Amino acid sequence: MSRIAECFNRLGGQKALIPFITAGDPNPKLTVDLMLGLVDGGADIIELGVPFSDPMADGPVIQRASERALKHHVSLAQVLEMVAAFRLENSHTPVVLMGYLNPVCAMGFQRFAERAAASGVDGVLTVDCPPEEAEELTGALNAAGLDPIFLVAPTTPPERVARIGRLARGYVYYVSLKGVTGAGHLDIAEVTGKIAALRESIPVPIGVGFGIRDAETARALASSADAIVVGSRLVQEIEAAEPQAAKQRLARLVAELKSAIR
């Protein structure tokens, strides 16, 4: 059983909080400490963004985070080193890499999967890898004991949802709105109804993200989802904070969100 599955089992029906930060933002030396700050605040699973030059699914907040990380020349190999360093301090909190397919292709699917597993990664979400073209990547991930995680959008047709249900491990990430990360205009009732429909085809837990910016929204969505994913709001804290204060600010915000969904 993967660390992600163990996490959901351990929660016993309580909702998981999955915070996101970008590796290398604001600089590579702080990433592991910021990850530990997320855990201090109550993170159940960490999504760690792999910086990319063209993050097409991300809004301006996370785009700027990628730009800051890339100014330090942060690579996929360095992100794996950060996870390995985090594992020296924390052996139980699952880590999911979230990013785009190009860096993974450049490293090679099998080599990436083996190196990720050796570093302590538990799951991989590649935003721009559709399930119809994911067989080679998911094969490499499964062989290495990693969970392939997929996005489901409000516009995903039923046949694709069913395909994702067959491929997904760990959890599925439901994009709560039509737009990029950090966008607004969430319709709670619509999201709740969509999650109920997804459960007919998705056997793994369903997390909800995009547009969740405060405790009130997190609480409302937690009534139907298995996990709440928060990214842009946390990245804003990093952007606004002095580097030495970022860890504490992240921990405080994560604790507020965790309290809300429990």
Protein backbone atom coordinates (compact mmCIF):
# COMPACT_ATOMS: atom_id res chain seq x y z
CA MET A 1 0.00 0.00 0.00
CA SER A 2 1.36 3.40 -0.96
CA ARG A 3 1.95 6.19 1.53
CA ILE A 4 -0.96 8.06 -0.06
CA ALA A 5 -3.38 5.17 0.45
CA GLU A 6 -2.08 4.73 3.99
CA CYS A 7 -2.72 8.42 4.64
CA PHE A 8 -6.37 8.23 3.59
CA ASN A 9 -6.82 5.01 5.57
CA ARG A 10 -5.31 6.63 8.63
CA LEU A 11 -7.67 9.58 8.33
CA GLY A 12 -10.58 7.19 8.60
CA GLY A 13 -13.04 9.37 6.72
CA GLN A 14 -11.69 12.71 7.90
CA LYS A 15 -10.78 15.03 5.07
CA ALA A 16 -7.20 15.42 3.87
CA LEU A 17 -5.55 18.79 3.42
CA ILE A 18 -3.15 18.92 0.47
CA PRO A 19 -1.15 22.17 0.26
CA PHE A 20 0.90 23.04 -2.83
CA ILE A 21 4.11 25.01 -3.12
CA THR A 22 6.59 25.35 -5.98
CA ALA A 23 10.00 23.78 -5.47
CA GLY A 24 12.74 26.40 -5.46
CA ASP A 25 10.45 29.32 -4.62
CA PRO A 26 11.61 31.79 -3.36
CA ASN A 27 14.97 30.02 -3.47
CA PRO A 28 16.08 26.37 -3.43
CA LYS A 29 17.61 26.54 0.05
CA LEU A 30 14.20 27.19 1.63
CA THR A 31 12.09 24.49 -0.01
CA VAL A 32 12.66 21.67 2.46
CA ASP A 33 12.07 24.01 5.40
CA LEU A 34 8.84 25.25 3.82
CA MET A 35 7.70 21.65 3.31
CA LEU A 36 8.34 21.00 6.99
CA GLY A 37 6.33 24.12 7.79
CA LEU A 38 3.39 22.70 5.84
CA VAL A 39 3.60 19.56 7.95
CA ASP A 40 3.82 21.62 11.14
CA GLY A 41 0.55 23.28 10.16
CA GLY A 42 -1.19 19.96 9.59
CA ALA A 43 -0.65 19.02 5.93
CA ASP A 44 -1.70 15.45 5.22
CA ILE A 45 -0.13 15.27 1.74
CA ILE A 46 2.20 17.77 0.05
CA GLU A 47 1.97 18.66 -3.62
CA LEU A 48 5.36 19.96 -4.74
CA GLY A 49 5.35 21.85 -8.02
CA VAL A 50 8.14 21.26 -10.51
CA PRO A 51 8.96 24.69 -11.96
CA PHE A 52 8.32 24.97 -15.68
CA SER A 53 8.74 27.77 -18.21
CA ASP A 54 5.22 27.47 -19.65
CA PRO A 55 2.84 26.44 -16.83
CA MET A 56 -0.31 26.64 -18.93
CA ALA A 57 -2.78 25.48 -16.27
CA ASP A 58 -1.50 27.90 -13.67
CA GLY A 59 -2.57 31.44 -12.98
CA PRO A 60 -0.23 34.40 -12.49
CA VAL A 61 0.60 33.62 -8.84
CA ILE A 62 2.05 30.17 -9.55
CA GLN A 63 3.53 31.37 -12.84
CA ARG A 64 5.56 33.90 -10.88
CA ALA A 65 6.63 31.16 -8.46
CA SER A 66 7.97 29.11 -11.37
CA GLU A 67 9.79 32.16 -12.69
CA ARG A 68 11.42 32.79 -9.31
CA ALA A 69 12.53 29.15 -9.08
CA LEU A 70 13.84 29.08 -12.65
CA LYS A 71 15.96 32.16 -11.95
CA HIS A 72 17.83 29.80 -9.63
CA HIS A 73 18.00 27.20 -12.44
CA VAL A 74 15.97 24.66 -10.45
CA SER A 75 15.69 21.43 -12.45
CA LEU A 76 13.66 18.26 -12.05
CA ALA A 77 16.78 16.49 -10.75
CA GLN A 78 17.17 19.17 -8.06
CA VAL A 79 13.51 18.82 -7.09
CA LEU A 80 14.10 15.11 -6.50
CA GLU A 81 17.09 16.01 -4.32
CA MET A 82 14.83 18.31 -2.29
CA VAL A 83 12.38 15.46 -1.70
CA ALA A 84 15.24 13.21 -0.61
CA ALA A 85 16.37 15.88 1.85
CA PHE A 86 12.82 16.22 3.16
CA ARG A 87 12.69 12.45 3.70
CA LEU A 88 15.65 12.70 6.08
CA GLU A 89 13.35 14.74 8.34
CA ASN A 90 9.95 13.20 7.55
CA SER A 91 9.33 9.62 6.50
CA HIS A 92 5.53 9.52 6.60
CA THR A 93 3.96 12.55 4.85
CA PRO A 94 3.22 11.66 1.19
CA VAL A 95 4.76 13.88 -1.47
CA VAL A 96 3.20 14.28 -4.91
CA LEU A 97 5.13 15.96 -7.71
CA MET A 98 2.88 18.20 -9.80
CA GLY A 99 4.10 19.59 -13.08
CA TYR A 100 4.31 19.21 -16.82
CA LEU A 101 5.39 16.41 -19.09
CA ASN A 102 8.38 17.99 -20.82
CA PRO A 103 10.92 17.64 -17.95
CA VAL A 104 9.79 14.05 -17.35
CA CYS A 105 10.19 13.21 -21.04
CA ALA A 106 13.63 14.78 -21.04
CA MET A 107 14.73 12.57 -18.14
CA GLY A 108 13.01 9.49 -19.58
CA PHE A 109 9.93 7.86 -18.07
CA GLN A 110 11.63 4.83 -16.52
CA ARG A 111 14.64 6.78 -15.24
CA PHE A 112 12.37 9.45 -13.79
CA ALA A 113 10.12 6.91 -12.07
CA GLU A 114 13.05 5.04 -10.55
CA ARG A 115 14.77 8.23 -9.36
CA ALA A 116 11.52 9.65 -7.98
CA ALA A 117 10.80 6.49 -6.03
CA ALA A 118 14.34 6.39 -4.67
CA SER A 119 14.00 10.03 -3.57
CA GLY A 120 10.82 9.35 -1.61
CA VAL A 121 8.18 10.65 -4.02
CA ASP A 122 4.80 8.92 -3.69
CA GLY A 123 2.72 10.18 -6.60
CA VAL A 124 3.04 12.11 -9.86
CA LEU A 125 0.56 14.45 -11.50
CA THR A 126 1.51 15.65 -14.97
CA VAL A 127 -1.00 18.32 -15.92
CA ASP A 128 -0.61 18.02 -19.69
CA CYS A 129 -0.53 14.22 -20.02
CA PRO A 130 -4.03 13.08 -21.03
CA PRO A 131 -5.12 9.60 -19.98
CA GLU A 132 -5.34 8.49 -23.62
CA GLU A 133 -1.58 9.01 -23.97
CA ALA A 134 -0.48 8.08 -20.46
CA GLU A 135 0.10 4.33 -20.82
CA GLU A 136 3.90 4.49 -21.03
CA LEU A 137 4.20 6.93 -18.14
CA THR A 138 1.70 5.17 -15.88
CA GLY A 139 3.41 1.87 -16.62
CA ALA A 140 6.74 3.25 -15.45
CA LEU A 141 5.18 4.85 -12.38
CA ASN A 142 3.28 1.72 -11.37
CA ALA A 143 6.39 -0.43 -11.83
CA ALA A 144 8.27 1.89 -9.47
CA GLY A 145 5.48 1.87 -6.87
CA LEU A 146 4.37 5.44 -7.56
CA ASP A 147 0.75 6.58 -7.82
CA PRO A 148 -0.31 8.15 -11.14
CA ILE A 149 -2.66 11.03 -10.31
CA PHE A 150 -4.94 12.65 -12.87
CA LEU A 151 -6.92 15.84 -13.20
CA VAL A 152 -10.63 15.76 -13.90
CA ALA A 153 -12.23 18.97 -15.17
CA PRO A 154 -15.86 20.14 -15.17
CA THR A 155 -15.81 19.53 -18.94
CA THR A 156 -14.33 16.01 -18.83
CA PRO A 157 -16.69 13.66 -20.73
CA PRO A 158 -17.95 10.48 -19.03
CA GLU A 159 -15.86 8.13 -21.17
CA ARG A 160 -12.67 9.95 -20.18
CA VAL A 161 -13.72 9.96 -16.52
CA ALA A 162 -14.14 6.18 -16.74
CA ARG A 163 -10.67 5.83 -18.29
CA ILE A 164 -9.17 7.95 -15.53
CA GLY A 165 -10.96 5.81 -12.96
CA ARG A 166 -9.19 2.75 -14.34
CA LEU A 167 -5.73 4.38 -14.39
CA ALA A 168 -5.71 6.52 -11.26
CA ARG A 169 -4.07 5.57 -8.00
CA GLY A 170 -3.79 7.56 -4.77
CA TYR A 171 -6.45 10.15 -5.52
CA VAL A 172 -7.98 12.11 -8.39
CA TYR A 173 -7.70 15.90 -8.49
CA TYR A 174 -10.99 17.52 -9.48
CA VAL A 175 -10.54 21.00 -10.97
CA SER A 176 -13.38 22.90 -9.36
CA LEU A 177 -13.83 25.53 -12.07
CA LYS A 178 -13.17 26.32 -15.70
CA GLY A 179 -9.99 28.34 -15.51
CA VAL A 180 -6.46 28.40 -14.15
CA THR A 181 -5.17 28.01 -10.62
CA GLY A 182 -6.15 30.84 -8.33
CA ALA A 183 -9.26 31.78 -10.29
CA GLY A 184 -12.48 32.66 -8.47
CA HIS A 185 -16.21 32.25 -8.96
CA LEU A 186 -16.62 28.84 -7.33
CA ASP A 187 -20.11 27.36 -7.43
CA ILE A 188 -20.16 25.11 -4.35
CA ALA A 189 -23.43 23.39 -5.25
CA GLU A 190 -22.21 22.61 -8.76
CA VAL A 191 -18.94 21.16 -7.47
CA THR A 192 -20.79 19.05 -4.89
CA GLY A 193 -23.07 17.59 -7.55
CA LYS A 194 -20.16 16.86 -9.86
CA ILE A 195 -18.22 15.02 -7.16
CA ALA A 196 -21.23 12.81 -6.46
CA ALA A 197 -21.41 11.90 -10.15
CA LEU A 198 -17.67 11.22 -10.35
CA ARG A 199 -17.84 8.67 -7.56
CA GLU A 200 -19.74 6.34 -9.90
CA SER A 201 -16.57 5.93 -11.99
CA ILE A 202 -13.71 6.95 -9.68
CA PRO A 203 -12.78 4.33 -7.05
CA VAL A 204 -10.02 6.37 -5.37
CA PRO A 205 -10.47 9.44 -3.14
CA ILE A 206 -11.38 12.71 -4.85
CA GLY A 207 -9.56 15.91 -3.99
CA VAL A 208 -10.78 19.35 -5.05
CA GLY A 209 -8.58 22.29 -5.97
CA PHE A 210 -8.34 25.53 -8.00
CA GLY A 211 -9.92 28.63 -6.52
CA ILE A 212 -9.92 27.61 -2.83
CA ARG A 213 -8.62 30.68 -1.05
CA ASP A 214 -10.02 30.67 2.48
CA ALA A 215 -11.23 28.49 5.33
CA GLU A 216 -14.90 29.07 4.57
CA THR A 217 -14.63 27.73 1.01
CA ALA A 218 -12.46 24.83 2.14
CA ARG A 219 -15.05 23.90 4.78
CA ALA A 220 -17.92 24.01 2.28
CA LEU A 221 -16.17 21.79 -0.26
CA ALA A 222 -14.93 19.34 2.38
CA SER A 223 -18.52 18.26 2.95
CA SER A 224 -18.41 16.37 -0.38
CA ALA A 225 -14.72 15.93 -1.26
CA ASP A 226 -12.19 13.58 0.33
CA ALA A 227 -9.40 16.16 0.18
CA ILE A 228 -8.93 19.89 -0.28
CA VAL A 229 -6.02 21.17 -2.37
CA VAL A 230 -4.79 24.73 -1.80
CA GLY A 231 -2.00 26.25 -3.87
CA SER A 232 -2.16 29.86 -5.03
CA ARG A 233 -3.16 31.20 -1.62
CA LEU A 234 -0.11 29.56 -0.04
CA VAL A 235 2.21 30.71 -2.81
CA GLN A 236 0.95 34.25 -2.21
CA GLU A 237 2.10 33.94 1.40
CA ILE A 238 5.57 32.97 0.22
CA GLU A 239 5.61 35.84 -2.26
CA ALA A 240 4.58 38.40 0.37
CA ALA A 241 6.76 37.16 3.24
CA GLU A 242 10.34 37.84 4.11
CA PRO A 243 12.17 34.54 3.53
CA GLN A 244 12.83 33.99 7.23
CA ALA A 245 9.11 34.40 8.03
CA ALA A 246 7.67 32.28 5.21
CA LYS A 247 7.71 28.97 7.08
CA GLN A 248 5.78 30.34 10.04
CA ARG A 249 3.23 32.08 7.80
CA LEU A 250 2.64 28.90 5.82
CA ALA A 251 2.21 26.84 8.98
CA ARG A 252 -0.31 29.31 10.37
CA LEU A 253 -2.42 29.38 7.19
CA VAL A 254 -2.34 25.60 6.81
CA ALA A 255 -3.47 25.23 10.43
CA GLU A 256 -6.46 27.53 9.75
CA LEU A 257 -7.45 25.51 6.70
CA LYS A 258 -6.99 22.21 8.52
CA SER A 259 -9.19 23.35 11.37
CA ALA A 260 -11.88 24.41 8.91
CA ILE A 261 -12.12 21.08 7.10
CA ARG A 262 -12.14 19.04 10.32
